[in-house]
Amino acid sequence: MTTAEIAARFAVPGRLVLVSSTGGGNVNDTFLAVFRTAYSEQRAILQRINRKVFTKPAWVMRNLRVLTEHTHRRLDREAHAADRVWQLPRVIPCKDGRDYFRDGEG
């Protein structure tokens, strides 16, 4: 399965127009995916989790989702008094609702 076919499995509005490697990482393979609608463009980062390092990728993704959802809720509650802009990624679910996509190679 190609990286583009995998990127298209995620719940991002628009049509996939580009998937490109962001270069070598320390542990995971990282890709930039660009999705376009008639009015907008959204960029998403995809990572192929290294199963030799992270033997339970589903747990990694669950923990990342729990952490980012908790942090976003807290930042939303405190936004009225914020003196800076916080940027934190969100986990983009697959179209089937899971936090990750697993191909035939795991």
N, C-alpha and C. Protein backbone atom coordinates (compact mmCIF):
# COMPACT_ATOMS: atom_id res chain seq x y z
N MET A 1 0.85 -1.18 0.00
CA MET A 1 0.00 0.00 0.00
C MET A 1 0.90 1.24 0.00
N THR A 2 0.57 2.20 -0.84
CA THR A 2 1.39 3.41 -0.93
C THR A 2 1.10 4.37 0.22
N THR A 3 2.02 5.27 0.43
CA THR A 3 1.82 6.30 1.46
C THR A 3 0.59 7.15 1.14
N ALA A 4 0.36 7.44 -0.14
CA ALA A 4 -0.82 8.22 -0.54
C ALA A 4 -2.10 7.47 -0.22
N GLU A 5 -2.13 6.17 -0.46
CA GLU A 5 -3.32 5.36 -0.13
C GLU A 5 -3.57 5.35 1.37
N ILE A 6 -2.51 5.33 2.14
CA ILE A 6 -2.65 5.37 3.60
C ILE A 6 -3.14 6.74 4.04
N ALA A 7 -2.56 7.81 3.49
CA ALA A 7 -2.97 9.18 3.86
C ALA A 7 -4.45 9.39 3.59
N ALA A 8 -4.94 8.82 2.50
CA ALA A 8 -6.36 8.99 2.12
C ALA A 8 -7.30 8.31 3.10
N ARG A 9 -6.80 7.47 3.98
CA ARG A 9 -7.63 6.78 4.98
C ARG A 9 -7.97 7.66 6.17
N PHE A 10 -7.30 8.81 6.29
CA PHE A 10 -7.53 9.68 7.44
C PHE A 10 -8.64 10.69 7.17
N ALA A 11 -9.33 11.09 8.22
CA ALA A 11 -10.50 11.96 8.12
C ALA A 11 -10.07 13.42 8.02
N VAL A 12 -9.53 13.77 6.86
CA VAL A 12 -9.13 15.14 6.57
C VAL A 12 -10.00 15.62 5.42
N PRO A 13 -10.64 16.78 5.55
CA PRO A 13 -11.49 17.27 4.47
C PRO A 13 -10.67 17.55 3.21
N GLY A 14 -11.28 17.31 2.08
CA GLY A 14 -10.65 17.63 0.81
C GLY A 14 -10.05 16.42 0.14
N ARG A 15 -9.42 16.70 -0.99
CA ARG A 15 -8.78 15.63 -1.75
C ARG A 15 -7.28 15.70 -1.51
N LEU A 16 -6.68 14.55 -1.44
CA LEU A 16 -5.24 14.47 -1.23
C LEU A 16 -4.53 14.91 -2.50
N VAL A 17 -3.62 15.90 -2.39
CA VAL A 17 -2.91 16.39 -3.56
C VAL A 17 -1.41 16.14 -3.49
N LEU A 18 -0.90 15.84 -2.30
CA LEU A 18 0.54 15.64 -2.16
C LEU A 18 0.85 14.85 -0.91
N VAL A 19 1.79 13.93 -1.03
CA VAL A 19 2.40 13.28 0.13
C VAL A 19 3.89 13.26 -0.14
N SER A 20 4.66 13.81 0.78
CA SER A 20 6.12 13.82 0.58
C SER A 20 6.82 13.55 1.90
N SER A 21 7.95 12.91 1.80
CA SER A 21 8.77 12.63 2.98
C SER A 21 9.33 13.94 3.51
N THR A 22 9.41 14.06 4.81
CA THR A 22 10.01 15.26 5.40
C THR A 22 11.49 15.06 5.68
N GLY A 23 12.02 13.93 5.27
CA GLY A 23 13.44 13.64 5.51
C GLY A 23 13.58 12.59 6.58
N GLY A 24 14.79 12.24 6.88
CA GLY A 24 15.05 11.18 7.86
C GLY A 24 14.78 11.64 9.27
N GLY A 25 14.13 10.80 10.02
CA GLY A 25 13.88 11.07 11.43
C GLY A 25 14.77 10.18 12.29
N ASN A 26 14.74 10.40 13.57
CA ASN A 26 15.53 9.58 14.48
C ASN A 26 14.94 8.20 14.67
N VAL A 27 13.61 8.12 14.70
CA VAL A 27 12.95 6.85 15.02
C VAL A 27 11.90 6.49 13.99
N ASN A 28 10.98 7.41 13.71
CA ASN A 28 9.85 7.14 12.82
C ASN A 28 10.07 7.78 11.45
N ASP A 29 9.38 7.25 10.44
CA ASP A 29 9.35 7.89 9.12
C ASP A 29 8.24 8.93 9.14
N THR A 30 8.52 10.14 8.64
CA THR A 30 7.57 11.24 8.73
C THR A 30 7.27 11.78 7.33
N PHE A 31 5.97 12.06 7.09
CA PHE A 31 5.51 12.53 5.79
C PHE A 31 4.58 13.73 5.97
N LEU A 32 4.60 14.62 5.00
CA LEU A 32 3.66 15.73 4.94
C LEU A 32 2.59 15.36 3.92
N ALA A 33 1.33 15.48 4.31
CA ALA A 33 0.20 15.24 3.40
C ALA A 33 -0.57 16.55 3.26
N VAL A 34 -0.91 16.90 2.03
CA VAL A 34 -1.65 18.13 1.75
C VAL A 34 -2.99 17.75 1.13
N PHE A 35 -4.06 18.29 1.72
CA PHE A 35 -5.43 18.06 1.27
C PHE A 35 -6.02 19.40 0.86
N ARG A 36 -6.78 19.43 -0.25
CA ARG A 36 -7.37 20.68 -0.72
C ARG A 36 -8.87 20.54 -0.94
N THR A 37 -9.57 21.61 -0.61
CA THR A 37 -10.96 21.79 -1.02
C THR A 37 -10.97 22.98 -1.97
N ALA A 38 -12.12 23.37 -2.43
CA ALA A 38 -12.20 24.55 -3.31
C ALA A 38 -11.81 25.83 -2.58
N TYR A 39 -11.86 25.80 -1.23
CA TYR A 39 -11.65 27.02 -0.45
C TYR A 39 -10.49 26.98 0.52
N SER A 40 -9.88 25.82 0.70
CA SER A 40 -8.85 25.75 1.73
C SER A 40 -7.83 24.65 1.42
N GLU A 41 -6.77 24.70 2.16
CA GLU A 41 -5.74 23.68 2.08
C GLU A 41 -5.37 23.31 3.51
N GLN A 42 -5.30 22.03 3.79
CA GLN A 42 -4.94 21.57 5.12
C GLN A 42 -3.74 20.64 5.00
N ARG A 43 -2.80 20.84 5.88
CA ARG A 43 -1.60 20.01 5.92
C ARG A 43 -1.65 19.12 7.15
N ALA A 44 -1.19 17.90 6.97
CA ALA A 44 -1.17 16.95 8.08
C ALA A 44 0.16 16.22 8.06
N ILE A 45 0.64 15.87 9.22
CA ILE A 45 1.86 15.08 9.35
C ILE A 45 1.45 13.64 9.61
N LEU A 46 2.02 12.74 8.83
CA LEU A 46 1.82 11.31 9.02
C LEU A 46 3.13 10.71 9.51
N GLN A 47 3.03 9.80 10.45
CA GLN A 47 4.24 9.11 10.90
C GLN A 47 4.04 7.62 10.84
N ARG A 48 5.05 6.95 10.34
CA ARG A 48 5.10 5.49 10.39
C ARG A 48 5.87 5.15 11.65
N ILE A 49 5.18 4.56 12.60
CA ILE A 49 5.80 4.25 13.89
C ILE A 49 6.72 3.06 13.74
N ASN A 50 7.92 3.21 14.24
CA ASN A 50 8.92 2.15 14.20
C ASN A 50 8.56 1.09 15.25
N ARG A 51 8.12 -0.06 14.77
CA ARG A 51 7.66 -1.11 15.70
C ARG A 51 8.81 -1.81 16.42
N LYS A 52 10.03 -1.61 15.97
CA LYS A 52 11.17 -2.16 16.71
C LYS A 52 11.42 -1.36 17.98
N VAL A 53 11.09 -0.08 17.92
CA VAL A 53 11.26 0.80 19.08
C VAL A 53 9.98 0.84 19.91
N PHE A 54 8.84 1.01 19.24
CA PHE A 54 7.54 1.08 19.90
C PHE A 54 6.77 -0.19 19.54
N THR A 55 6.85 -1.18 20.38
CA THR A 55 6.28 -2.50 20.05
C THR A 55 4.76 -2.52 20.07
N LYS A 56 4.14 -1.52 20.67
CA LYS A 56 2.68 -1.45 20.73
C LYS A 56 2.22 -0.09 20.21
N PRO A 57 2.24 0.09 18.88
CA PRO A 57 1.89 1.41 18.33
C PRO A 57 0.49 1.87 18.68
N ALA A 58 -0.45 0.96 18.85
CA ALA A 58 -1.81 1.36 19.23
C ALA A 58 -1.80 2.05 20.59
N TRP A 59 -0.96 1.58 21.50
CA TRP A 59 -0.84 2.21 22.82
C TRP A 59 -0.22 3.59 22.70
N VAL A 60 0.78 3.73 21.83
CA VAL A 60 1.42 5.03 21.62
C VAL A 60 0.38 6.04 21.14
N MET A 61 -0.43 5.64 20.17
CA MET A 61 -1.42 6.55 19.63
C MET A 61 -2.52 6.87 20.63
N ARG A 62 -2.93 5.89 21.40
CA ARG A 62 -3.95 6.16 22.42
C ARG A 62 -3.42 7.16 23.44
N ASN A 63 -2.20 6.96 23.90
CA ASN A 63 -1.61 7.88 24.87
C ASN A 63 -1.46 9.28 24.29
N LEU A 64 -1.06 9.38 23.04
CA LEU A 64 -0.92 10.68 22.40
C LEU A 64 -2.27 11.37 22.28
N ARG A 65 -3.31 10.62 21.93
CA ARG A 65 -4.65 11.21 21.83
C ARG A 65 -5.13 11.69 23.20
N VAL A 66 -4.96 10.87 24.22
CA VAL A 66 -5.41 11.26 25.57
C VAL A 66 -4.68 12.52 26.03
N LEU A 67 -3.38 12.57 25.81
CA LEU A 67 -2.59 13.73 26.21
C LEU A 67 -3.03 14.99 25.48
N THR A 68 -3.15 14.91 24.16
CA THR A 68 -3.49 16.12 23.40
C THR A 68 -4.92 16.57 23.66
N GLU A 69 -5.87 15.64 23.81
CA GLU A 69 -7.24 16.05 24.12
C GLU A 69 -7.31 16.73 25.48
N HIS A 70 -6.63 16.18 26.47
CA HIS A 70 -6.61 16.80 27.80
C HIS A 70 -6.01 18.20 27.74
N THR A 71 -4.89 18.33 27.04
CA THR A 71 -4.21 19.62 26.97
C THR A 71 -5.05 20.65 26.21
N HIS A 72 -5.68 20.23 25.11
CA HIS A 72 -6.55 21.15 24.37
C HIS A 72 -7.72 21.62 25.22
N ARG A 73 -8.33 20.72 25.98
CA ARG A 73 -9.45 21.13 26.86
C ARG A 73 -8.97 22.16 27.87
N ARG A 74 -7.82 21.93 28.46
CA ARG A 74 -7.29 22.87 29.44
C ARG A 74 -6.96 24.22 28.80
N LEU A 75 -6.34 24.19 27.66
CA LEU A 75 -6.02 25.45 26.97
C LEU A 75 -7.29 26.20 26.59
N ASP A 76 -8.33 25.49 26.17
CA ASP A 76 -9.61 26.14 25.83
C ASP A 76 -10.21 26.83 27.06
N ARG A 77 -10.12 26.18 28.22
CA ARG A 77 -10.66 26.77 29.46
C ARG A 77 -9.90 28.03 29.86
N GLU A 78 -8.60 28.06 29.55
CA GLU A 78 -7.76 29.18 29.98
C GLU A 78 -7.51 30.21 28.88
N ALA A 79 -8.16 30.05 27.73
CA ALA A 79 -7.88 30.91 26.57
C ALA A 79 -8.16 32.38 26.85
N HIS A 80 -9.16 32.68 27.67
CA HIS A 80 -9.52 34.08 27.92
C HIS A 80 -8.40 34.84 28.62
N ALA A 81 -7.53 34.15 29.33
CA ALA A 81 -6.45 34.81 30.06
C ALA A 81 -5.07 34.54 29.45
N ALA A 82 -5.04 33.90 28.31
CA ALA A 82 -3.76 33.52 27.71
C ALA A 82 -2.99 34.75 27.23
N ASP A 83 -1.70 34.74 27.46
CA ASP A 83 -0.85 35.83 27.00
C ASP A 83 0.02 35.41 25.81
N ARG A 84 -0.29 34.24 25.26
CA ARG A 84 0.43 33.75 24.10
C ARG A 84 -0.44 32.75 23.35
N VAL A 85 -0.02 32.39 22.16
CA VAL A 85 -0.71 31.39 21.35
C VAL A 85 -0.01 30.06 21.56
N TRP A 86 -0.79 29.06 21.90
CA TRP A 86 -0.24 27.71 22.06
C TRP A 86 -0.54 26.92 20.81
N GLN A 87 0.44 26.18 20.34
CA GLN A 87 0.24 25.30 19.20
C GLN A 87 0.56 23.89 19.65
N LEU A 88 -0.39 23.02 19.46
CA LEU A 88 -0.25 21.62 19.87
C LEU A 88 -0.93 20.76 18.83
N PRO A 89 -0.27 19.71 18.40
CA PRO A 89 -0.92 18.86 17.38
C PRO A 89 -2.14 18.15 17.93
N ARG A 90 -2.97 17.72 17.03
CA ARG A 90 -4.12 16.86 17.36
C ARG A 90 -3.95 15.57 16.60
N VAL A 91 -4.46 14.50 17.18
CA VAL A 91 -4.47 13.23 16.48
C VAL A 91 -5.64 13.25 15.51
N ILE A 92 -5.36 13.02 14.25
CA ILE A 92 -6.40 12.97 13.23
C ILE A 92 -6.85 11.52 13.11
N PRO A 93 -8.11 11.26 13.37
CA PRO A 93 -8.56 9.86 13.28
C PRO A 93 -8.67 9.39 11.84
N CYS A 94 -8.66 8.10 11.69
CA CYS A 94 -8.95 7.51 10.38
C CYS A 94 -10.44 7.63 10.13
N LYS A 95 -10.85 7.41 8.91
CA LYS A 95 -12.26 7.49 8.57
C LYS A 95 -13.07 6.42 9.29
N ASP A 96 -12.41 5.35 9.76
CA ASP A 96 -13.11 4.31 10.52
C ASP A 96 -13.13 4.62 12.02
N GLY A 97 -12.58 5.78 12.43
CA GLY A 97 -12.64 6.21 13.82
C GLY A 97 -11.43 5.85 14.67
N ARG A 98 -10.58 4.97 14.18
CA ARG A 98 -9.40 4.61 14.97
C ARG A 98 -8.37 5.74 14.97
N ASP A 99 -7.48 5.71 15.95
CA ASP A 99 -6.42 6.71 16.09
C ASP A 99 -5.25 6.47 15.15
N TYR A 100 -5.26 5.39 14.43
CA TYR A 100 -4.13 5.00 13.60
C TYR A 100 -4.63 4.10 12.47
N PHE A 101 -3.78 3.94 11.47
CA PHE A 101 -4.05 2.99 10.40
C PHE A 101 -2.94 1.94 10.43
N ARG A 102 -3.32 0.71 10.34
CA ARG A 102 -2.35 -0.38 10.30
C ARG A 102 -2.45 -1.08 8.97
N ASP A 103 -1.36 -1.09 8.21
CA ASP A 103 -1.37 -1.77 6.92
C ASP A 103 -1.02 -3.26 7.09
N GLY A 104 -0.89 -3.95 5.99
CA GLY A 104 -0.61 -5.38 6.03
C GLY A 104 0.72 -5.74 6.67
N GLU A 105 1.62 -4.77 6.76
CA GLU A 105 2.92 -5.00 7.39
C GLU A 105 2.91 -4.63 8.87
N GLY A 106 1.75 -4.21 9.35
CA GLY A 106 1.63 -3.84 10.77
C GLY A 106 1.85 -2.38 11.04
